[in-house]
Structure formats: C-alpha cells, structure tokens
Amino acid sequence: MTPYDKYLNCLVEIIEHISQEKKKQSEISQDERSKVSEKENEYMRRMDELKKAEVAVRQQYQSVWESCTNQSGLRRPMDQRPVETPLNWLEAVKIQEQFANKIRNWFNDITQRAIIERQKKIQEEQKRREELIAAKILEEKRRAEEVARLERERGEVLLEEMKRKYKKRH
C-alpha cells in the first residue's frame, strides 16, 4: 500500500467518523428534543388536570355557598386550606361532589319540612277561622230564635190582654 492509499484510507475513516459523530449528535439531539417534548406534554396534561380540578372544586364550593346563603340564610362557609391526601384529584373531587350532594339534599329536606309545617299552620288557621265563622252563625241563629220566641211571647201576652179588655167591655 502506497502512502497515498494510506492517506486516502485515513481520510475515509475520518470522514466516516465525522459522519458517525454527526449522526450520533443528531440522534442525541433528537432524543433530547423528544424527551423535552414528552416532558412539556406531561406538564401540559397535568396543568389541564389541575385546571379541571380547580374548576370542579370552585363549582362545588359555589353550589354549597349558594345553598347556604340562598336557601337557609346561613353565612358563607370559610375557605379551607387543603389537606394533603393520598387520593388523586379525581377521587377527591368525587368525594367532594358526594358531600356537596349530601348538603344539597339536607337543605332540600329542611326546605320541604318548612313548607309542610307552613302548610299545616295555614290549614290550622283556616280550620280555626271556619270554626269561628260556624260558631258566629250558630250564635246568630240562636239569638234570632230567642228574639222570635220573645216576640211570640210578647204577642201572646198582648193578645191575652186585648181579649181581657174586650171581654170586660162586652
């Protein structure tokens, strides 16, 4: 092998090494871009989950707040600091939804009881009024009968007096 052939072989090896180096660099940078993209996607997915959880919790809190203030006149419940939990946020939101439903049902029960109690009071008041009206009508009837009886008696007495006067004259 001539020195020129050796030189060419060395150049070819250098070019192959450079090409392999570029290829490895390209693969490494592609892997890094893929990993970064994967991390960004994971970050965005987690942020979306957190936003959904925040929206769900705010809606539940708003629902409970409206139930407390609108239906029963209670004051607004205080914000509470979250307690660390081993549950994932979906399970925690489900538990909150269950408690929010229990609170809503409790308010509905109280409202229904109040409506029933109010209806009973109205019915009792109506019954009392009807009894008073019936008693007044009975009293007026009794008075009218008494007045009629007294008039009859007075008429009979007057008739008897007239008979006596007439008999004395004749």
C-alpha atoms as a PDB file:
ATOM      1  CA  MET A   1       0.000   0.000   0.000  1.00  0.00           C
ATOM      2  CA  THR A   2       1.274   3.283  -1.003  1.00  0.00           C
ATOM      3  CA  PRO A   3       1.473   6.257   1.279  1.00  0.00           C
ATOM      4  CA  TYR A   4      -1.221   7.915  -0.808  1.00  0.00           C
ATOM      5  CA  ASP A   5      -3.565   4.948  -0.326  1.00  0.00           C
ATOM      6  CA  LYS A   6      -2.898   5.090   3.405  1.00  0.00           C
ATOM      7  CA  TYR A   7      -3.655   8.772   3.318  1.00  0.00           C
ATOM      8  CA  LEU A   8      -6.915   8.142   1.453  1.00  0.00           C
ATOM      9  CA  ASN A   9      -7.874   5.353   3.892  1.00  0.00           C
ATOM     10  CA  CYS A  10      -7.240   7.673   6.804  1.00  0.00           C
ATOM     11  CA  LEU A  11      -9.316  10.391   5.162  1.00  0.00           C
ATOM     12  CA  VAL A  12     -12.151   7.922   4.525  1.00  0.00           C
ATOM     13  CA  GLU A  13     -12.001   6.766   8.160  1.00  0.00           C
ATOM     14  CA  ILE A  14     -12.001  10.374   9.369  1.00  0.00           C
ATOM     15  CA  ILE A  15     -14.968  11.180   7.126  1.00  0.00           C
ATOM     16  CA  GLU A  16     -16.793   8.052   8.377  1.00  0.00           C
ATOM     17  CA  HIS A  17     -16.057   9.022  11.997  1.00  0.00           C
ATOM     18  CA  ILE A  18     -17.230  12.571  11.342  1.00  0.00           C
ATOM     19  CA  SER A  19     -20.352  11.226   9.656  1.00  0.00           C
ATOM     20  CA  GLN A  20     -20.987   8.825  12.536  1.00  0.00           C
ATOM     21  CA  GLU A  21     -20.350  11.645  15.013  1.00  0.00           C
ATOM     22  CA  LYS A  22     -22.844  13.862  13.204  1.00  0.00           C
ATOM     23  CA  LYS A  23     -25.340  11.009  13.104  1.00  0.00           C
ATOM     24  CA  LYS A  24     -24.890  10.349  16.846  1.00  0.00           C
ATOM     25  CA  GLN A  25     -25.150  14.061  17.593  1.00  0.00           C
ATOM     26  CA  SER A  26     -28.317  14.184  15.531  1.00  0.00           C
ATOM     27  CA  GLU A  27     -29.712  11.147  17.349  1.00  0.00           C
ATOM     28  CA  ILE A  28     -28.773  12.604  20.732  1.00  0.00           C
ATOM     29  CA  SER A  29     -30.368  15.959  19.925  1.00  0.00           C
ATOM     30  CA  GLN A  30     -33.479  14.174  18.552  1.00  0.00           C
ATOM     31  CA  ASP A  31     -33.681  12.133  21.766  1.00  0.00           C
ATOM     32  CA  GLU A  32     -33.277  15.283  23.828  1.00  0.00           C
ATOM     33  CA  ARG A  33     -35.984  17.064  21.802  1.00  0.00           C
ATOM     34  CA  SER A  34     -38.255  14.036  22.219  1.00  0.00           C
ATOM     35  CA  LYS A  35     -37.644  13.973  25.967  1.00  0.00           C
ATOM     36  CA  VAL A  36     -38.234  17.709  26.261  1.00  0.00           C
ATOM     37  CA  SER A  37     -41.399  17.419  24.164  1.00  0.00           C
ATOM     38  CA  GLU A  38     -42.549  14.498  26.314  1.00  0.00           C
ATOM     39  CA  LYS A  39     -41.934  16.499  29.488  1.00  0.00           C
ATOM     40  CA  GLU A  40     -43.775  19.506  28.033  1.00  0.00           C
ATOM     41  CA  ASN A  41     -46.722  17.291  27.063  1.00  0.00           C
ATOM     42  CA  GLU A  42     -46.770  15.758  30.559  1.00  0.00           C
ATOM     43  CA  TYR A  43     -46.610  19.240  32.079  1.00  0.00           C
ATOM     44  CA  MET A  44     -49.490  20.459  29.889  1.00  0.00           C
ATOM     45  CA  ARG A  45     -51.564  17.363  30.701  1.00  0.00           C
ATOM     46  CA  ARG A  46     -51.011  17.849  34.429  1.00  0.00           C
ATOM     47  CA  MET A  47     -51.843  21.550  34.143  1.00  0.00           C
ATOM     48  CA  ASP A  48     -55.089  20.665  32.345  1.00  0.00           C
ATOM     49  CA  GLU A  49     -55.944  18.177  35.106  1.00  0.00           C
ATOM     50  CA  LEU A  50     -55.220  20.782  37.761  1.00  0.00           C
ATOM     51  CA  LYS A  51     -57.367  23.357  35.966  1.00  0.00           C
ATOM     52  CA  LYS A  52     -60.230  20.844  35.705  1.00  0.00           C
ATOM     53  CA  ALA A  53     -59.867  20.036  39.386  1.00  0.00           C
ATOM     54  CA  GLU A  54     -59.838  23.732  40.272  1.00  0.00           C
ATOM     55  CA  VAL A  55     -62.968  24.362  38.191  1.00  0.00           C
ATOM     56  CA  ALA A  56     -64.753  21.378  39.747  1.00  0.00           C
ATOM     57  CA  VAL A  57     -63.849  22.429  43.286  1.00  0.00           C
ATOM     58  CA  ARG A  58     -64.866  26.041  42.646  1.00  0.00           C
ATOM     59  CA  GLN A  59     -68.208  24.925  41.200  1.00  0.00           C
ATOM     60  CA  GLN A  60     -68.855  22.691  44.191  1.00  0.00           C
ATOM     61  CA  TYR A  61     -67.909  25.463  46.594  1.00  0.00           C
ATOM     62  CA  GLN A  62     -70.145  27.889  44.692  1.00  0.00           C
ATOM     63  CA  SER A  63     -73.014  25.385  44.823  1.00  0.00           C
ATOM     64  CA  VAL A  64     -72.619  24.878  48.571  1.00  0.00           C
ATOM     65  CA  TRP A  65     -72.278  28.632  49.106  1.00  0.00           C
ATOM     66  CA  GLU A  66     -75.474  29.314  47.150  1.00  0.00           C
ATOM     67  CA  SER A  67     -77.293  26.603  49.084  1.00  0.00           C
ATOM     68  CA  CYS A  68     -76.156  28.069  52.389  1.00  0.00           C
ATOM     69  CA  THR A  69     -76.929  31.687  51.584  1.00  0.00           C
ATOM     70  CA  ASN A  70     -79.989  31.443  49.358  1.00  0.00           C
ATOM     71  CA  GLN A  71     -81.947  28.575  50.850  1.00  0.00           C
ATOM     72  CA  SER A  72     -81.330  28.801  54.551  1.00  0.00           C
ATOM     73  CA  GLY A  73     -79.835  32.210  55.238  1.00  0.00           C
ATOM     74  CA  LEU A  74     -76.600  30.826  56.652  1.00  0.00           C
ATOM     75  CA  ARG A  75     -73.406  32.754  56.279  1.00  0.00           C
ATOM     76  CA  ARG A  76     -70.821  31.844  53.669  1.00  0.00           C
ATOM     77  CA  PRO A  77     -68.549  28.953  54.677  1.00  0.00           C
ATOM     78  CA  MET A  78     -64.927  29.940  55.113  1.00  0.00           C
ATOM     79  CA  ASP A  79     -62.299  28.842  52.611  1.00  0.00           C
ATOM     80  CA  GLN A  80     -60.319  25.966  53.978  1.00  0.00           C
ATOM     81  CA  ARG A  81     -56.713  25.156  53.411  1.00  0.00           C
ATOM     82  CA  PRO A  82     -56.309  21.864  51.580  1.00  0.00           C
ATOM     83  CA  VAL A  83     -55.070  18.866  53.487  1.00  0.00           C
ATOM     84  CA  GLU A  84     -52.663  16.532  51.776  1.00  0.00           C
ATOM     85  CA  THR A  85     -54.345  13.347  50.645  1.00  0.00           C
ATOM     86  CA  PRO A  86     -53.100  10.143  49.050  1.00  0.00           C
ATOM     87  CA  LEU A  87     -56.069  10.219  46.649  1.00  0.00           C
ATOM     88  CA  ASN A  88     -55.735  11.509  43.137  1.00  0.00           C
ATOM     89  CA  TRP A  89     -57.682  14.659  42.355  1.00  0.00           C
ATOM     90  CA  LEU A  90     -60.486  12.843  40.528  1.00  0.00           C
ATOM     91  CA  GLU A  91     -61.258  10.725  43.593  1.00  0.00           C
ATOM     92  CA  ALA A  92     -61.039  13.790  45.842  1.00  0.00           C
ATOM     93  CA  VAL A  93     -63.456  15.688  43.569  1.00  0.00           C
ATOM     94  CA  LYS A  94     -65.861  12.718  43.623  1.00  0.00           C
ATOM     95  CA  ILE A  95     -65.804  12.736  47.426  1.00  0.00           C
ATOM     96  CA  GLN A  96     -66.436  16.497  47.425  1.00  0.00           C
ATOM     97  CA  GLU A  97     -69.320  16.010  44.990  1.00  0.00           C
ATOM     98  CA  GLN A  98     -70.828  13.398  47.300  1.00  0.00           C
ATOM     99  CA  PHE A  99     -70.630  15.765  50.269  1.00  0.00           C
ATOM    100  CA  ALA A 100     -71.991  18.654  48.190  1.00  0.00           C
ATOM    101  CA  ASN A 101     -74.947  16.417  47.210  1.00  0.00           C
ATOM    102  CA  LYS A 102     -75.497  15.489  50.863  1.00  0.00           C
ATOM    103  CA  ILE A 103     -75.543  19.179  51.793  1.00  0.00           C
ATOM    104  CA  ARG A 104     -77.955  19.989  48.947  1.00  0.00           C
ATOM    105  CA  ASN A 105     -80.221  17.094  49.985  1.00  0.00           C
ATOM    106  CA  TRP A 106     -80.099  18.273  53.598  1.00  0.00           C
ATOM    107  CA  PHE A 107     -81.159  21.777  52.535  1.00  0.00           C
ATOM    108  CA  ASN A 108     -83.910  20.325  50.346  1.00  0.00           C
ATOM    109  CA  ASP A 109     -85.173  18.226  53.278  1.00  0.00           C
ATOM    110  CA  ILE A 110     -85.188  21.234  55.583  1.00  0.00           C
ATOM    111  CA  THR A 111     -86.969  23.295  52.932  1.00  0.00           C
ATOM    112  CA  GLN A 112     -89.572  20.571  52.403  1.00  0.00           C
ATOM    113  CA  ARG A 113     -90.170  20.268  56.146  1.00  0.00           C
ATOM    114  CA  ALA A 114     -90.568  24.034  56.428  1.00  0.00           C
ATOM    115  CA  ILE A 115     -93.057  24.044  53.542  1.00  0.00           C
ATOM    116  CA  ILE A 116     -95.054  21.186  55.107  1.00  0.00           C
ATOM    117  CA  GLU A 117     -95.021  22.915  58.500  1.00  0.00           C
ATOM    118  CA  ARG A 118     -96.178  26.166  56.919  1.00  0.00           C
ATOM    119  CA  GLN A 119     -98.994  24.359  55.089  1.00  0.00           C
ATOM    120  CA  LYS A 120    -100.076  22.742  58.370  1.00  0.00           C
ATOM    121  CA  LYS A 121    -100.161  26.136  60.063  1.00  0.00           C
ATOM    122  CA  ILE A 122    -102.182  27.601  57.208  1.00  0.00           C
ATOM    123  CA  GLN A 123    -104.635  24.672  57.365  1.00  0.00           C
ATOM    124  CA  GLU A 124    -104.953  25.004  61.146  1.00  0.00           C
ATOM    125  CA  GLU A 125    -105.570  28.734  60.802  1.00  0.00           C
ATOM    126  CA  GLN A 126    -108.182  28.093  58.099  1.00  0.00           C
ATOM    127  CA  LYS A 127    -109.871  25.463  60.288  1.00  0.00           C
ATOM    128  CA  ARG A 128    -109.872  27.875  63.249  1.00  0.00           C
ATOM    129  CA  ARG A 129    -111.440  30.595  61.074  1.00  0.00           C
ATOM    130  CA  GLU A 130    -114.093  28.166  59.813  1.00  0.00           C
ATOM    131  CA  GLU A 131    -114.902  27.117  63.387  1.00  0.00           C
ATOM    132  CA  LEU A 132    -115.199  30.777  64.432  1.00  0.00           C
ATOM    133  CA  ILE A 133    -117.497  31.514  61.492  1.00  0.00           C
ATOM    134  CA  ALA A 134    -119.611  28.433  62.301  1.00  0.00           C
ATOM    135  CA  ALA A 135    -119.800  29.485  65.971  1.00  0.00           C
ATOM    136  CA  LYS A 136    -120.831  33.037  64.956  1.00  0.00           C
ATOM    137  CA  ILE A 137    -123.519  31.695  62.609  1.00  0.00           C
ATOM    138  CA  LEU A 138    -124.809  29.354  65.335  1.00  0.00           C
ATOM    139  CA  GLU A 139    -124.823  32.219  67.851  1.00  0.00           C
ATOM    140  CA  GLU A 140    -126.702  34.487  65.418  1.00  0.00           C
ATOM    141  CA  LYS A 141    -129.236  31.708  64.745  1.00  0.00           C
ATOM    142  CA  ARG A 142    -129.696  31.162  68.472  1.00  0.00           C
ATOM    143  CA  ARG A 143    -130.192  34.908  69.022  1.00  0.00           C
ATOM    144  CA  ALA A 144    -132.662  35.096  66.143  1.00  0.00           C
ATOM    145  CA  GLU A 145    -134.597  32.170  67.616  1.00  0.00           C
ATOM    146  CA  GLU A 146    -134.539  33.842  71.032  1.00  0.00           C
ATOM    147  CA  VAL A 147    -135.761  37.124  69.543  1.00  0.00           C
ATOM    148  CA  ALA A 148    -138.518  35.263  67.666  1.00  0.00           C
ATOM    149  CA  ARG A 149    -139.542  33.420  70.852  1.00  0.00           C
ATOM    150  CA  LEU A 150    -139.638  36.671  72.822  1.00  0.00           C
ATOM    151  CA  GLU A 151    -141.715  38.296  70.075  1.00  0.00           C
ATOM    152  CA  ARG A 152    -144.126  35.359  70.089  1.00  0.00           C
ATOM    153  CA  GLU A 153    -144.450  35.536  73.864  1.00  0.00           C
ATOM    154  CA  ARG A 154    -144.971  39.285  73.748  1.00  0.00           C
ATOM    155  CA  GLY A 155    -147.567  38.802  71.007  1.00  0.00           C
ATOM    156  CA  GLU A 156    -149.351  36.143  73.057  1.00  0.00           C
ATOM    157  CA  VAL A 157    -149.306  38.377  76.130  1.00  0.00           C
ATOM    158  CA  LEU A 158    -150.614  41.291  74.068  1.00  0.00           C
ATOM    159  CA  LEU A 159    -153.335  39.080  72.579  1.00  0.00           C
ATOM    160  CA  GLU A 160    -154.382  37.909  76.044  1.00  0.00           C
ATOM    161  CA  GLU A 161    -154.558  41.494  77.261  1.00  0.00           C
ATOM    162  CA  MET A 162    -156.685  42.500  74.300  1.00  0.00           C
ATOM    163  CA  LYS A 163    -159.014  39.545  74.920  1.00  0.00           C
ATOM    164  CA  ARG A 164    -159.420  40.567  78.546  1.00  0.00           C
ATOM    165  CA  LYS A 165    -160.109  44.156  77.628  1.00  0.00           C
ATOM    166  CA  TYR A 166    -162.607  43.083  75.017  1.00  0.00           C
ATOM    167  CA  LYS A 167    -164.379  40.761  77.430  1.00  0.00           C
ATOM    168  CA  LYS A 168    -164.648  43.483  80.049  1.00  0.00           C
ATOM    169  CA  ARG A 169    -166.236  45.864  77.603  1.00  0.00           C
ATOM    170  CA  HIS A 170    -168.801  43.405  76.432  1.00  0.00           C
END
